[in-house]
Amino acid sequence: GKEAEEEDDEEHPVLGSVSEVFLYFKRSLHQCSAVDTGETLLHLAAAFQEALVNYVEGLHKHVVELSRPRGGTARALSQAEERQVALVVNTCDYAADTMDQL
């Protein structure tokens, strides 16, 4: 499964990988905008949008796997699994908020 490297955002921890993704996006957009603010920047933004969709799809698959019944029967999530789901939800919230700031 996904590793649970976390960044503690006070009460709402997120997966550390999301911060790395957005830092890379921000630096790249800044560097590109210093050279070209036209079509190249738009292509870069579209590529980042696609990468973010893939990242979120990976998070979704992780949650689906956690919630999948074992042996054909429904079951309650363990505390560790609940924490993983909470991390994914917090990470998606963080991603949505941060995307608006880019």
C-alpha atoms as a PDB file:
ATOM      1  CA  GLY A   1       0.000   0.000   0.000  1.00  0.00           C
ATOM      2  CA  LYS A   2       0.916   3.649   0.114  1.00  0.00           C
ATOM      3  CA  GLU A   3       3.496   4.658   2.628  1.00  0.00           C
ATOM      4  CA  ALA A   4       2.195   6.898   5.361  1.00  0.00           C
ATOM      5  CA  GLU A   5       4.855   9.553   5.443  1.00  0.00           C
ATOM      6  CA  GLU A   6       2.966  12.414   6.993  1.00  0.00           C
ATOM      7  CA  GLU A   7       3.246  16.121   7.421  1.00  0.00           C
ATOM      8  CA  ASP A   8       1.421  17.354  10.463  1.00  0.00           C
ATOM      9  CA  ASP A   9      -0.711  20.328   9.506  1.00  0.00           C
ATOM     10  CA  GLU A  10      -1.817  20.905  13.088  1.00  0.00           C
ATOM     11  CA  GLU A  11      -4.956  18.757  13.374  1.00  0.00           C
ATOM     12  CA  HIS A  12      -5.069  17.690   9.718  1.00  0.00           C
ATOM     13  CA  PRO A  13      -2.055  15.575   8.759  1.00  0.00           C
ATOM     14  CA  VAL A  14      -1.500  14.973   5.048  1.00  0.00           C
ATOM     15  CA  LEU A  15       0.715  12.630   3.056  1.00  0.00           C
ATOM     16  CA  GLY A  16       4.112  14.289   2.722  1.00  0.00           C
ATOM     17  CA  SER A  17       4.263  13.479  -0.973  1.00  0.00           C
ATOM     18  CA  VAL A  18       1.567  16.062  -1.751  1.00  0.00           C
ATOM     19  CA  SER A  19       3.733  18.897  -0.426  1.00  0.00           C
ATOM     20  CA  GLU A  20       6.611  17.692  -2.583  1.00  0.00           C
ATOM     21  CA  VAL A  21       4.350  17.590  -5.646  1.00  0.00           C
ATOM     22  CA  PHE A  22       3.130  21.148  -5.150  1.00  0.00           C
ATOM     23  CA  LEU A  23       6.578  22.498  -4.357  1.00  0.00           C
ATOM     24  CA  TYR A  24       7.815  21.013  -7.634  1.00  0.00           C
ATOM     25  CA  PHE A  25       4.814  22.488  -9.506  1.00  0.00           C
ATOM     26  CA  LYS A  26       5.350  25.932  -7.986  1.00  0.00           C
ATOM     27  CA  ARG A  27       9.087  26.030  -8.708  1.00  0.00           C
ATOM     28  CA  SER A  28       8.608  24.790 -12.263  1.00  0.00           C
ATOM     29  CA  LEU A  29       5.830  27.272 -13.032  1.00  0.00           C
ATOM     30  CA  HIS A  30       7.924  30.105 -11.614  1.00  0.00           C
ATOM     31  CA  GLN A  31      10.969  29.122 -13.694  1.00  0.00           C
ATOM     32  CA  CYS A  32       8.893  28.704 -16.840  1.00  0.00           C
ATOM     33  CA  SER A  33       7.083  32.024 -16.377  1.00  0.00           C
ATOM     34  CA  ALA A  34      10.456  33.782 -16.186  1.00  0.00           C
ATOM     35  CA  VAL A  35      11.186  32.555 -19.719  1.00  0.00           C
ATOM     36  CA  ASP A  36       7.770  32.240 -21.386  1.00  0.00           C
ATOM     37  CA  THR A  37       4.279  33.252 -20.281  1.00  0.00           C
ATOM     38  CA  GLY A  38       2.549  32.049 -23.426  1.00  0.00           C
ATOM     39  CA  GLU A  39       1.804  28.656 -24.869  1.00  0.00           C
ATOM     40  CA  THR A  40       4.681  26.862 -23.133  1.00  0.00           C
ATOM     41  CA  LEU A  41       3.389  27.889 -19.710  1.00  0.00           C
ATOM     42  CA  LEU A  42      -0.110  26.704 -20.665  1.00  0.00           C
ATOM     43  CA  HIS A  43       1.281  23.328 -21.767  1.00  0.00           C
ATOM     44  CA  LEU A  44       3.196  23.011 -18.495  1.00  0.00           C
ATOM     45  CA  ALA A  45       0.068  23.833 -16.485  1.00  0.00           C
ATOM     46  CA  ALA A  46      -1.901  21.209 -18.453  1.00  0.00           C
ATOM     47  CA  ALA A  47       0.808  18.605 -17.795  1.00  0.00           C
ATOM     48  CA  PHE A  48       0.682  19.388 -14.064  1.00  0.00           C
ATOM     49  CA  GLN A  49      -3.094  19.112 -14.099  1.00  0.00           C
ATOM     50  CA  GLU A  50      -2.806  15.650 -15.639  1.00  0.00           C
ATOM     51  CA  ALA A  51      -0.149  14.658 -13.089  1.00  0.00           C
ATOM     52  CA  LEU A  52      -2.369  15.823 -10.230  1.00  0.00           C
ATOM     53  CA  VAL A  53      -5.322  13.835 -11.593  1.00  0.00           C
ATOM     54  CA  ASN A  54      -3.083  10.734 -11.689  1.00  0.00           C
ATOM     55  CA  TYR A  55      -1.923  11.421  -8.115  1.00  0.00           C
ATOM     56  CA  VAL A  56      -5.504  11.727  -6.861  1.00  0.00           C
ATOM     57  CA  GLU A  57      -6.542   8.592  -8.771  1.00  0.00           C
ATOM     58  CA  GLY A  58      -3.759   6.738  -6.971  1.00  0.00           C
ATOM     59  CA  LEU A  59      -5.100   7.974  -3.637  1.00  0.00           C
ATOM     60  CA  HIS A  60      -8.597   6.872  -4.618  1.00  0.00           C
ATOM     61  CA  LYS A  61      -7.389   3.372  -5.502  1.00  0.00           C
ATOM     62  CA  HIS A  62      -5.679   3.162  -2.113  1.00  0.00           C
ATOM     63  CA  VAL A  63      -8.919   3.998  -0.280  1.00  0.00           C
ATOM     64  CA  VAL A  64     -10.877   1.519  -2.401  1.00  0.00           C
ATOM     65  CA  GLU A  65      -8.381  -1.211  -1.509  1.00  0.00           C
ATOM     66  CA  LEU A  66      -8.623  -0.371   2.186  1.00  0.00           C
ATOM     67  CA  SER A  67     -12.412  -0.503   2.155  1.00  0.00           C
ATOM     68  CA  ARG A  68     -12.704  -3.680   0.071  1.00  0.00           C
ATOM     69  CA  PRO A  69     -14.399  -6.528   1.965  1.00  0.00           C
ATOM     70  CA  ARG A  70     -12.051  -9.367   2.921  1.00  0.00           C
ATOM     71  CA  GLY A  71     -13.204 -12.881   2.182  1.00  0.00           C
ATOM     72  CA  GLY A  72     -16.508 -11.641   0.740  1.00  0.00           C
ATOM     73  CA  THR A  73     -17.757 -10.151   3.993  1.00  0.00           C
ATOM     74  CA  ALA A  74     -17.980  -6.538   5.051  1.00  0.00           C
ATOM     75  CA  ARG A  75     -15.859  -5.543   7.992  1.00  0.00           C
ATOM     76  CA  ALA A  76     -14.971  -2.504  10.040  1.00  0.00           C
ATOM     77  CA  LEU A  77     -11.738  -0.719   9.232  1.00  0.00           C
ATOM     78  CA  SER A  78      -8.907  -1.064  11.698  1.00  0.00           C
ATOM     79  CA  GLN A  79      -7.604   2.079  13.411  1.00  0.00           C
ATOM     80  CA  ALA A  80      -4.596   2.074  11.088  1.00  0.00           C
ATOM     81  CA  GLU A  81      -6.865   1.830   8.038  1.00  0.00           C
ATOM     82  CA  GLU A  82      -9.104   4.613   9.369  1.00  0.00           C
ATOM     83  CA  ARG A  83      -6.010   6.777   9.797  1.00  0.00           C
ATOM     84  CA  GLN A  84      -4.948   6.034   6.208  1.00  0.00           C
ATOM     85  CA  VAL A  85      -8.400   7.049   4.920  1.00  0.00           C
ATOM     86  CA  ALA A  86      -8.258  10.261   6.985  1.00  0.00           C
ATOM     87  CA  LEU A  87      -4.797  11.025   5.553  1.00  0.00           C
ATOM     88  CA  VAL A  88      -6.111  10.575   2.024  1.00  0.00           C
ATOM     89  CA  VAL A  89      -9.141  12.822   2.660  1.00  0.00           C
ATOM     90  CA  ASN A  90      -6.948  15.496   4.279  1.00  0.00           C
ATOM     91  CA  THR A  91      -4.472  15.226   1.413  1.00  0.00           C
ATOM     92  CA  CYS A  92      -7.208  15.701  -1.178  1.00  0.00           C
ATOM     93  CA  ASP A  93      -8.537  18.745   0.714  1.00  0.00           C
ATOM     94  CA  TYR A  94      -5.028  20.168   0.869  1.00  0.00           C
ATOM     95  CA  ALA A  95      -4.536  19.527  -2.849  1.00  0.00           C
ATOM     96  CA  ALA A  96      -7.795  21.283  -3.746  1.00  0.00           C
ATOM     97  CA  ASP A  97      -6.955  24.303  -1.597  1.00  0.00           C
ATOM     98  CA  THR A  98      -3.372  24.495  -2.851  1.00  0.00           C
ATOM     99  CA  MET A  99      -4.365  24.106  -6.503  1.00  0.00           C
ATOM    100  CA  ASP A 100      -6.479  27.240  -6.191  1.00  0.00           C
ATOM    101  CA  GLN A 101      -3.402  29.140  -4.972  1.00  0.00           C
ATOM    102  CA  LEU A 102      -1.268  28.193  -7.979  1.00  0.00           C
END
